[in-house]
Amino acid sequence: MRTTASLLLAVLGVASLASAREAAQPKQRPDLPAPTVDEMDKPTKPPPGAPQVLPDDPPAATPTKGDAEAPKPKPKTFNPFRGRGRKPKYARPARVTYSDGATLEGWTWHRANSPVRLFVRERRAHEGFFLSDLTRIDVKPETVNFERDWRWKNQGSSEKVFLDIGYFWNQYITTFSTTDDEKAAGDCSGQFYFLTLDGKRTKWYLYKRQSARDKEKKKRSELKPIVYVKSVEFTDDFLKKLEEEKKKAEAEAAKKQPDKPTAGAETKKYTRPS
């Protein structure tokens, strides 16, 4: 009985292996008939992905008098923050004087006509002032300090060794003079825009503290003092001077030119006596 069972199992295994091989082998496609001569003469389609040549666009017809005019290209957008020689309506004529004697004359304004914040020491509170309400700004250094550079004495040591070189840093007190003949002194930090008479835009700053650490480090006797905005006068006297100088130049140019005969005047001819 055992021998017959083993024989049956062997036969079944061989049959399963044969069926698996048949399933694994790909089925052969039936032989297709050879193409005829007519089929070979037909144009073939381009392979997928090949570029297709498109016909050229017809030339645009020139517009005649009766036709509507061609649409004009839209103008480029204008950026008001990059315009040269432009100033906002709320800009005020002013003269900015620096501590080294340099001056700027033109128009100044604050960002978006926002008020300038000043910490008034007398009232110990921040207050906002519009440039239109000010007649003058004065800046005075409250303290001038010399900061010396230092290094550690040794590697891993906590002892400092101060050097002879260093830099200046100043602390300022700013005074605002208003149109009501009032004054407010305190600390102010701000950035302002300026347009000079020749159309160049620049900036000037007010500082609470100003340091020259990133510029140069030398001995105290060799260092130059820090340049800062000393005063700002809101006046237009320089504009009046320009108008007067322009009128004088025009008058001098008119004097140098020869007098032209007036219209309708008769000119007499000179006859040489015989």
C-alpha atoms as a PDB file:
ATOM      1  CA  MET A   1       0.000   0.000   0.000  1.00  0.00           C
ATOM      2  CA  ARG A   2       2.805   2.370   0.843  1.00  0.00           C
ATOM      3  CA  THR A   3       4.487   1.805  -2.502  1.00  0.00           C
ATOM      4  CA  THR A   4       1.304   2.584  -4.456  1.00  0.00           C
ATOM      5  CA  ALA A   5       0.741   5.783  -2.468  1.00  0.00           C
ATOM      6  CA  SER A   6       4.260   6.953  -3.055  1.00  0.00           C
ATOM      7  CA  LEU A   7       3.920   6.258  -6.756  1.00  0.00           C
ATOM      8  CA  LEU A   8       0.722   8.304  -6.931  1.00  0.00           C
ATOM      9  CA  LEU A   9       2.387  11.235  -5.183  1.00  0.00           C
ATOM     10  CA  ALA A  10       5.315  11.116  -7.590  1.00  0.00           C
ATOM     11  CA  VAL A  11       3.011  11.105 -10.598  1.00  0.00           C
ATOM     12  CA  LEU A  12       1.040  14.054  -9.252  1.00  0.00           C
ATOM     13  CA  GLY A  13       4.243  16.022  -8.637  1.00  0.00           C
ATOM     14  CA  VAL A  14       5.505  15.441 -12.167  1.00  0.00           C
ATOM     15  CA  ALA A  15       2.167  16.566 -13.600  1.00  0.00           C
ATOM     16  CA  SER A  16       2.141  19.780 -11.538  1.00  0.00           C
ATOM     17  CA  LEU A  17       5.681  20.613 -12.640  1.00  0.00           C
ATOM     18  CA  ALA A  18       4.737  20.120 -16.288  1.00  0.00           C
ATOM     19  CA  SER A  19       1.693  22.386 -15.971  1.00  0.00           C
ATOM     20  CA  ALA A  20       3.791  25.089 -14.242  1.00  0.00           C
ATOM     21  CA  ARG A  21       6.342  25.047 -17.060  1.00  0.00           C
ATOM     22  CA  GLU A  22       3.624  25.402 -19.658  1.00  0.00           C
ATOM     23  CA  ALA A  23       2.165  28.397 -17.797  1.00  0.00           C
ATOM     24  CA  ALA A  24       5.580  30.046 -17.527  1.00  0.00           C
ATOM     25  CA  GLN A  25       6.359  29.777 -21.219  1.00  0.00           C
ATOM     26  CA  PRO A  26       4.890  32.653 -23.296  1.00  0.00           C
ATOM     27  CA  LYS A  27       2.254  31.773 -25.790  1.00  0.00           C
ATOM     28  CA  GLN A  28       3.371  32.071 -29.379  1.00  0.00           C
ATOM     29  CA  ARG A  29       1.425  34.501 -31.524  1.00  0.00           C
ATOM     30  CA  PRO A  30      -0.031  33.118 -34.713  1.00  0.00           C
ATOM     31  CA  ASP A  31       1.897  33.929 -37.848  1.00  0.00           C
ATOM     32  CA  LEU A  32       0.581  37.124 -39.471  1.00  0.00           C
ATOM     33  CA  PRO A  33       0.229  37.356 -43.251  1.00  0.00           C
ATOM     34  CA  ALA A  34       2.926  39.255 -45.084  1.00  0.00           C
ATOM     35  CA  PRO A  35       2.016  42.890 -45.999  1.00  0.00           C
ATOM     36  CA  THR A  36       0.866  43.536 -49.526  1.00  0.00           C
ATOM     37  CA  VAL A  37       2.371  46.034 -51.966  1.00  0.00           C
ATOM     38  CA  ASP A  38      -0.505  48.520 -51.433  1.00  0.00           C
ATOM     39  CA  GLU A  39      -0.024  48.464 -47.684  1.00  0.00           C
ATOM     40  CA  MET A  40       3.712  49.080 -48.039  1.00  0.00           C
ATOM     41  CA  ASP A  41       3.106  52.149 -50.262  1.00  0.00           C
ATOM     42  CA  LYS A  42       0.891  53.868 -47.628  1.00  0.00           C
ATOM     43  CA  PRO A  43       2.597  56.709 -45.630  1.00  0.00           C
ATOM     44  CA  THR A  44       3.480  55.739 -42.109  1.00  0.00           C
ATOM     45  CA  LYS A  45       2.577  57.812 -39.041  1.00  0.00           C
ATOM     46  CA  PRO A  46       5.394  59.681 -37.255  1.00  0.00           C
ATOM     47  CA  PRO A  47       6.657  57.930 -34.126  1.00  0.00           C
ATOM     48  CA  PRO A  48       5.232  59.204 -30.848  1.00  0.00           C
ATOM     49  CA  GLY A  49       7.197  62.126 -29.480  1.00  0.00           C
ATOM     50  CA  ALA A  50       8.553  63.265 -32.832  1.00  0.00           C
ATOM     51  CA  PRO A  51       8.282  67.066 -33.422  1.00  0.00           C
ATOM     52  CA  GLN A  52       5.529  68.064 -35.776  1.00  0.00           C
ATOM     53  CA  VAL A  53       6.124  70.919 -38.188  1.00  0.00           C
ATOM     54  CA  LEU A  54       3.347  73.503 -37.901  1.00  0.00           C
ATOM     55  CA  PRO A  55       2.418  75.799 -40.764  1.00  0.00           C
ATOM     56  CA  ASP A  56       3.684  79.380 -40.592  1.00  0.00           C
ATOM     57  CA  ASP A  57       1.287  82.071 -39.389  1.00  0.00           C
ATOM     58  CA  PRO A  58      -0.067  84.257 -42.163  1.00  0.00           C
ATOM     59  CA  PRO A  59       1.452  87.766 -42.235  1.00  0.00           C
ATOM     60  CA  ALA A  60      -0.543  90.369 -40.363  1.00  0.00           C
ATOM     61  CA  ALA A  61      -2.473  92.686 -42.611  1.00  0.00           C
ATOM     62  CA  THR A  62      -1.474  96.331 -42.457  1.00  0.00           C
ATOM     63  CA  PRO A  63      -4.281  98.449 -41.001  1.00  0.00           C
ATOM     64  CA  THR A  64      -5.896 100.906 -43.380  1.00  0.00           C
ATOM     65  CA  LYS A  65      -7.500 104.226 -42.609  1.00  0.00           C
ATOM     66  CA  GLY A  66     -10.939 102.695 -42.257  1.00  0.00           C
ATOM     67  CA  ASP A  67      -9.784  99.924 -39.925  1.00  0.00           C
ATOM     68  CA  ALA A  68      -9.505 100.436 -36.194  1.00  0.00           C
ATOM     69  CA  GLU A  69      -6.078 101.303 -34.853  1.00  0.00           C
ATOM     70  CA  ALA A  70      -3.998  98.509 -33.365  1.00  0.00           C
ATOM     71  CA  PRO A  71      -4.061  98.338 -29.558  1.00  0.00           C
ATOM     72  CA  LYS A  72      -1.165 100.154 -27.965  1.00  0.00           C
ATOM     73  CA  PRO A  73       1.033  98.369 -25.410  1.00  0.00           C
ATOM     74  CA  LYS A  74       0.217  99.082 -21.808  1.00  0.00           C
ATOM     75  CA  PRO A  75       2.616 101.454 -20.032  1.00  0.00           C
ATOM     76  CA  LYS A  76       4.937 100.038 -17.442  1.00  0.00           C
ATOM     77  CA  THR A  77       3.979 100.328 -13.799  1.00  0.00           C
ATOM     78  CA  PHE A  78       5.531 103.215 -11.866  1.00  0.00           C
ATOM     79  CA  ASN A  79       7.260 102.616  -8.550  1.00  0.00           C
ATOM     80  CA  PRO A  80       7.058 105.808  -6.450  1.00  0.00           C
ATOM     81  CA  PHE A  81       9.871 104.651  -4.156  1.00  0.00           C
ATOM     82  CA  ARG A  82      12.441 104.535  -6.965  1.00  0.00           C
ATOM     83  CA  GLY A  83      11.611 107.771  -8.735  1.00  0.00           C
ATOM     84  CA  ARG A  84      14.543 110.124  -9.121  1.00  0.00           C
ATOM     85  CA  GLY A  85      13.920 113.726  -8.264  1.00  0.00           C
ATOM     86  CA  ARG A  86      10.482 113.109  -6.796  1.00  0.00           C
ATOM     87  CA  LYS A  87       9.210 114.065  -3.388  1.00  0.00           C
ATOM     88  CA  PRO A  88       5.864 113.557  -1.616  1.00  0.00           C
ATOM     89  CA  LYS A  89       3.427 116.388  -1.061  1.00  0.00           C
ATOM     90  CA  TYR A  90       4.148 116.489   2.676  1.00  0.00           C
ATOM     91  CA  ALA A  91       7.913 117.029   2.223  1.00  0.00           C
ATOM     92  CA  ARG A  92       9.249 120.139   3.961  1.00  0.00           C
ATOM     93  CA  PRO A  93      12.130 122.380   2.925  1.00  0.00           C
ATOM     94  CA  ALA A  94      14.955 122.021   5.424  1.00  0.00           C
ATOM     95  CA  ARG A  95      18.660 122.518   6.016  1.00  0.00           C
ATOM     96  CA  VAL A  96      20.525 119.649   7.701  1.00  0.00           C
ATOM     97  CA  THR A  97      23.858 120.549   9.346  1.00  0.00           C
ATOM     98  CA  TYR A  98      26.357 117.917  10.447  1.00  0.00           C
ATOM     99  CA  SER A  99      28.903 118.160  13.236  1.00  0.00           C
ATOM    100  CA  ASP A 100      31.786 118.399  10.744  1.00  0.00           C
ATOM    101  CA  GLY A 101      30.240 121.463   9.050  1.00  0.00           C
ATOM    102  CA  ALA A 102      28.696 119.725   6.024  1.00  0.00           C
ATOM    103  CA  THR A 103      25.172 120.861   5.106  1.00  0.00           C
ATOM    104  CA  LEU A 104      22.294 119.545   3.029  1.00  0.00           C
ATOM    105  CA  GLU A 105      19.644 121.831   1.549  1.00  0.00           C
ATOM    106  CA  GLY A 106      16.469 120.503   0.038  1.00  0.00           C
ATOM    107  CA  TRP A 107      13.283 118.743   1.124  1.00  0.00           C
ATOM    108  CA  THR A 108      12.913 116.176   3.881  1.00  0.00           C
ATOM    109  CA  TRP A 109      10.118 113.888   5.056  1.00  0.00           C
ATOM    110  CA  HIS A 110       9.414 110.955   7.343  1.00  0.00           C
ATOM    111  CA  ARG A 111       8.134 107.586   6.197  1.00  0.00           C
ATOM    112  CA  ALA A 112       4.434 107.812   5.170  1.00  0.00           C
ATOM    113  CA  ASN A 113       4.199 111.168   6.998  1.00  0.00           C
ATOM    114  CA  SER A 114       4.140 109.303  10.315  1.00  0.00           C
ATOM    115  CA  PRO A 115       4.984 111.142  13.564  1.00  0.00           C
ATOM    116  CA  VAL A 116       8.482 111.011  14.989  1.00  0.00           C
ATOM    117  CA  ARG A 117       8.583 109.367  18.408  1.00  0.00           C
ATOM    118  CA  LEU A 118      10.575 111.087  21.158  1.00  0.00           C
ATOM    119  CA  PHE A 119      11.043 109.856  24.697  1.00  0.00           C
ATOM    120  CA  VAL A 120      10.565 113.056  26.694  1.00  0.00           C
ATOM    121  CA  ARG A 121      12.662 112.748  29.831  1.00  0.00           C
ATOM    122  CA  GLU A 122      10.766 115.421  31.711  1.00  0.00           C
ATOM    123  CA  ARG A 123       7.459 113.559  31.416  1.00  0.00           C
ATOM    124  CA  ARG A 124       9.053 110.099  31.133  1.00  0.00           C
ATOM    125  CA  ALA A 125       6.803 109.130  28.240  1.00  0.00           C
ATOM    126  CA  HIS A 126       6.951 108.669  24.483  1.00  0.00           C
ATOM    127  CA  GLU A 127       5.329 111.388  22.375  1.00  0.00           C
ATOM    128  CA  GLY A 128       4.789 111.736  18.640  1.00  0.00           C
ATOM    129  CA  PHE A 129       5.679 114.882  16.674  1.00  0.00           C
ATOM    130  CA  PHE A 130       4.902 115.595  13.024  1.00  0.00           C
ATOM    131  CA  LEU A 131       7.573 117.378  11.017  1.00  0.00           C
ATOM    132  CA  SER A 132       4.969 119.958  10.008  1.00  0.00           C
ATOM    133  CA  ASP A 133       4.697 120.965  13.702  1.00  0.00           C
ATOM    134  CA  LEU A 134       8.448 121.468  14.174  1.00  0.00           C
ATOM    135  CA  THR A 135      10.599 124.502  13.461  1.00  0.00           C
ATOM    136  CA  ARG A 136      13.957 123.076  14.500  1.00  0.00           C
ATOM    137  CA  ILE A 137      15.748 119.931  15.752  1.00  0.00           C
ATOM    138  CA  ASP A 138      18.936 120.191  17.792  1.00  0.00           C
ATOM    139  CA  VAL A 139      21.185 117.290  18.770  1.00  0.00           C
ATOM    140  CA  LYS A 140      23.847 117.497  21.460  1.00  0.00           C
ATOM    141  CA  PRO A 141      26.172 114.718  22.646  1.00  0.00           C
ATOM    142  CA  GLU A 142      25.392 114.012  26.272  1.00  0.00           C
ATOM    143  CA  THR A 143      28.393 111.719  26.840  1.00  0.00           C
ATOM    144  CA  VAL A 144      31.435 110.884  24.684  1.00  0.00           C
ATOM    145  CA  ASN A 145      32.959 107.552  25.683  1.00  0.00           C
ATOM    146  CA  PHE A 146      36.107 105.728  24.607  1.00  0.00           C
ATOM    147  CA  GLU A 147      35.703 101.952  24.687  1.00  0.00           C
ATOM    148  CA  ARG A 148      39.016 100.069  24.886  1.00  0.00           C
ATOM    149  CA  ASP A 149      39.497  96.701  23.257  1.00  0.00           C
ATOM    150  CA  TRP A 150      40.556  93.761  25.416  1.00  0.00           C
ATOM    151  CA  ARG A 151      41.634  90.134  25.222  1.00  0.00           C
ATOM    152  CA  TRP A 152      42.011  87.238  27.623  1.00  0.00           C
ATOM    153  CA  LYS A 153      45.354  87.095  29.417  1.00  0.00           C
ATOM    154  CA  ASN A 154      45.913  83.424  28.664  1.00  0.00           C
ATOM    155  CA  GLN A 155      44.014  80.616  27.025  1.00  0.00           C
ATOM    156  CA  GLY A 156      41.383  79.384  29.461  1.00  0.00           C
ATOM    157  CA  SER A 157      41.922  82.366  31.775  1.00  0.00           C
ATOM    158  CA  SER A 158      39.114  84.638  33.013  1.00  0.00           C
ATOM    159  CA  GLU A 159      41.372  87.692  33.427  1.00  0.00           C
ATOM    160  CA  LYS A 160      41.017  90.504  30.847  1.00  0.00           C
ATOM    161  CA  VAL A 161      43.885  92.552  29.470  1.00  0.00           C
ATOM    162  CA  PHE A 162      42.801  95.963  28.090  1.00  0.00           C
ATOM    163  CA  LEU A 163      44.598  97.361  25.032  1.00  0.00           C
ATOM    164  CA  ASP A 164      45.482 100.924  24.102  1.00  0.00           C
ATOM    165  CA  ILE A 165      43.299 100.911  20.991  1.00  0.00           C
ATOM    166  CA  GLY A 166      39.524 101.252  20.942  1.00  0.00           C
ATOM    167  CA  TYR A 167      36.623 103.220  19.490  1.00  0.00           C
ATOM    168  CA  PHE A 168      34.248 106.060  20.364  1.00  0.00           C
ATOM    169  CA  TRP A 169      30.565 105.780  21.173  1.00  0.00           C
ATOM    170  CA  ASN A 170      28.292 108.722  21.959  1.00  0.00           C
ATOM    171  CA  GLN A 171      24.975 109.165  23.691  1.00  0.00           C
ATOM    172  CA  TYR A 172      22.844 112.074  22.474  1.00  0.00           C
ATOM    173  CA  ILE A 173      20.014 114.230  23.734  1.00  0.00           C
ATOM    174  CA  THR A 174      17.618 115.541  21.061  1.00  0.00           C
ATOM    175  CA  THR A 175      15.535 118.717  21.415  1.00  0.00           C
ATOM    176  CA  PHE A 176      12.422 119.399  19.329  1.00  0.00           C
ATOM    177  CA  SER A 177      11.253 123.018  18.925  1.00  0.00           C
ATOM    178  CA  THR A 178       7.589 123.262  17.942  1.00  0.00           C
ATOM    179  CA  THR A 179       5.604 126.006  16.241  1.00  0.00           C
ATOM    180  CA  ASP A 180       3.990 126.803  19.631  1.00  0.00           C
ATOM    181  CA  ASP A 181       7.363 127.960  21.002  1.00  0.00           C
ATOM    182  CA  GLU A 182       7.639 124.825  23.130  1.00  0.00           C
ATOM    183  CA  LYS A 183      10.596 122.498  23.510  1.00  0.00           C
ATOM    184  CA  ALA A 184      10.797 118.797  24.293  1.00  0.00           C
ATOM    185  CA  ALA A 185      14.129 117.105  25.043  1.00  0.00           C
ATOM    186  CA  GLY A 186      14.816 113.402  25.215  1.00  0.00           C
ATOM    187  CA  ASP A 187      15.968 110.347  23.283  1.00  0.00           C
ATOM    188  CA  CYS A 188      15.102 109.872  19.614  1.00  0.00           C
ATOM    189  CA  SER A 189      16.059 107.325  16.948  1.00  0.00           C
ATOM    190  CA  GLY A 190      14.741 107.632  13.420  1.00  0.00           C
ATOM    191  CA  GLN A 191      15.438 107.518   9.706  1.00  0.00           C
ATOM    192  CA  PHE A 192      14.482 110.372   7.392  1.00  0.00           C
ATOM    193  CA  TYR A 193      14.545 110.882   3.620  1.00  0.00           C
ATOM    194  CA  PHE A 194      16.061 113.861   1.878  1.00  0.00           C
ATOM    195  CA  LEU A 195      15.951 115.257  -1.655  1.00  0.00           C
ATOM    196  CA  THR A 196      18.721 117.678  -2.568  1.00  0.00           C
ATOM    197  CA  LEU A 197      18.362 120.615  -4.934  1.00  0.00           C
ATOM    198  CA  ASP A 198      20.083 118.707  -7.753  1.00  0.00           C
ATOM    199  CA  GLY A 199      17.547 115.863  -7.547  1.00  0.00           C
ATOM    200  CA  LYS A 200      19.540 113.281  -5.582  1.00  0.00           C
ATOM    201  CA  ARG A 201      17.882 111.283  -2.816  1.00  0.00           C
ATOM    202  CA  THR A 202      19.688 110.469   0.418  1.00  0.00           C
ATOM    203  CA  LYS A 203      18.949 109.790   4.082  1.00  0.00           C
ATOM    204  CA  TRP A 204      19.824 111.268   7.441  1.00  0.00           C
ATOM    205  CA  TYR A 205      19.454 109.720  10.883  1.00  0.00           C
ATOM    206  CA  LEU A 206      18.825 110.604  14.499  1.00  0.00           C
ATOM    207  CA  TYR A 207      20.454 108.345  17.096  1.00  0.00           C
ATOM    208  CA  LYS A 208      20.009 107.692  20.767  1.00  0.00           C
ATOM    209  CA  ARG A 209      23.420 106.013  20.858  1.00  0.00           C
ATOM    210  CA  GLN A 210      25.953 105.921  18.045  1.00  0.00           C
ATOM    211  CA  SER A 211      29.036 103.716  17.934  1.00  0.00           C
ATOM    212  CA  ALA A 212      32.082 103.671  15.643  1.00  0.00           C
ATOM    213  CA  ARG A 213      33.042 100.118  16.540  1.00  0.00           C
ATOM    214  CA  ASP A 214      32.847  98.789  12.974  1.00  0.00           C
ATOM    215  CA  LYS A 215      34.850 101.640  11.385  1.00  0.00           C
ATOM    216  CA  GLU A 216      38.336 101.905  12.847  1.00  0.00           C
ATOM    217  CA  LYS A 217      40.133 101.077  16.074  1.00  0.00           C
ATOM    218  CA  LYS A 218      43.088 103.229  17.036  1.00  0.00           C
ATOM    219  CA  LYS A 219      44.476 105.074  19.998  1.00  0.00           C
ATOM    220  CA  ARG A 220      42.262 107.775  21.467  1.00  0.00           C
ATOM    221  CA  SER A 221      44.529 110.571  20.274  1.00  0.00           C
ATOM    222  CA  GLU A 222      44.476 109.201  16.719  1.00  0.00           C
ATOM    223  CA  LEU A 223      40.708 108.716  16.428  1.00  0.00           C
ATOM    224  CA  LYS A 224      38.448 111.259  14.733  1.00  0.00           C
ATOM    225  CA  PRO A 225      35.211 112.278  16.477  1.00  0.00           C
ATOM    226  CA  ILE A 226      31.969 110.704  15.332  1.00  0.00           C
ATOM    227  CA  VAL A 227      30.039 112.703  12.737  1.00  0.00           C
ATOM    228  CA  TYR A 228      26.366 113.199  13.617  1.00  0.00           C
ATOM    229  CA  VAL A 229      23.430 115.425  12.638  1.00  0.00           C
ATOM    230  CA  LYS A 230      23.866 118.567  14.707  1.00  0.00           C
ATOM    231  CA  SER A 231      20.780 120.558  13.687  1.00  0.00           C
ATOM    232  CA  VAL A 232      17.849 120.549  11.299  1.00  0.00           C
ATOM    233  CA  GLU A 233      16.216 123.875  10.333  1.00  0.00           C
ATOM    234  CA  PHE A 234      12.834 123.795   8.625  1.00  0.00           C
ATOM    235  CA  THR A 235      13.197 126.882   6.448  1.00  0.00           C
ATOM    236  CA  ASP A 236      12.961 127.852   2.795  1.00  0.00           C
ATOM    237  CA  ASP A 237      15.390 130.782   2.790  1.00  0.00           C
ATOM    238  CA  PHE A 238      17.744 128.899   0.457  1.00  0.00           C
ATOM    239  CA  LEU A 239      14.932 128.710  -2.120  1.00  0.00           C
ATOM    240  CA  LYS A 240      14.546 132.486  -1.988  1.00  0.00           C
ATOM    241  CA  LYS A 241      18.285 132.882  -2.468  1.00  0.00           C
ATOM    242  CA  LEU A 242      18.152 130.647  -5.525  1.00  0.00           C
ATOM    243  CA  GLU A 243      15.367 132.753  -7.032  1.00  0.00           C
ATOM    244  CA  GLU A 244      17.322 135.968  -6.399  1.00  0.00           C
ATOM    245  CA  GLU A 245      20.477 134.522  -7.938  1.00  0.00           C
ATOM    246  CA  LYS A 246      18.481 133.330 -10.942  1.00  0.00           C
ATOM    247  CA  LYS A 247      16.995 136.808 -11.461  1.00  0.00           C
ATOM    248  CA  LYS A 248      20.431 138.437 -11.197  1.00  0.00           C
ATOM    249  CA  ALA A 249      21.871 136.017 -13.743  1.00  0.00           C
ATOM    250  CA  GLU A 250      19.013 136.732 -16.144  1.00  0.00           C
ATOM    251  CA  ALA A 251      19.484 140.498 -15.712  1.00  0.00           C
ATOM    252  CA  GLU A 252      23.229 140.271 -16.384  1.00  0.00           C
ATOM    253  CA  ALA A 253      22.628 138.125 -19.458  1.00  0.00           C
ATOM    254  CA  ALA A 254      20.107 140.681 -20.757  1.00  0.00           C
ATOM    255  CA  LYS A 255      22.613 143.515 -20.308  1.00  0.00           C
ATOM    256  CA  LYS A 256      25.273 141.702 -22.310  1.00  0.00           C
ATOM    257  CA  GLN A 257      22.939 141.139 -25.275  1.00  0.00           C
ATOM    258  CA  PRO A 258      22.659 144.031 -27.821  1.00  0.00           C
ATOM    259  CA  ASP A 259      19.463 146.040 -27.878  1.00  0.00           C
ATOM    260  CA  LYS A 260      17.047 144.818 -30.535  1.00  0.00           C
ATOM    261  CA  PRO A 261      14.908 147.336 -32.470  1.00  0.00           C
ATOM    262  CA  THR A 262      11.348 147.483 -31.334  1.00  0.00           C
ATOM    263  CA  ALA A 263       8.579 146.368 -33.670  1.00  0.00           C
ATOM    264  CA  GLY A 264       7.204 149.162 -35.904  1.00  0.00           C
ATOM    265  CA  ALA A 265      10.218 151.431 -35.508  1.00  0.00           C
ATOM    266  CA  GLU A 266      11.497 152.956 -38.767  1.00  0.00           C
ATOM    267  CA  THR A 267      15.160 152.592 -39.570  1.00  0.00           C
ATOM    268  CA  LYS A 268      16.813 155.491 -41.400  1.00  0.00           C
ATOM    269  CA  LYS A 269      19.416 154.798 -44.012  1.00  0.00           C
ATOM    270  CA  TYR A 270      22.685 156.707 -43.872  1.00  0.00           C
ATOM    271  CA  THR A 271      23.554 158.523 -47.084  1.00  0.00           C
ATOM    272  CA  ARG A 272      27.109 159.569 -47.670  1.00  0.00           C
ATOM    273  CA  PRO A 273      27.395 163.266 -48.571  1.00  0.00           C
ATOM    274  CA  SER A 274      28.734 163.980 -52.040  1.00  0.00           C
END
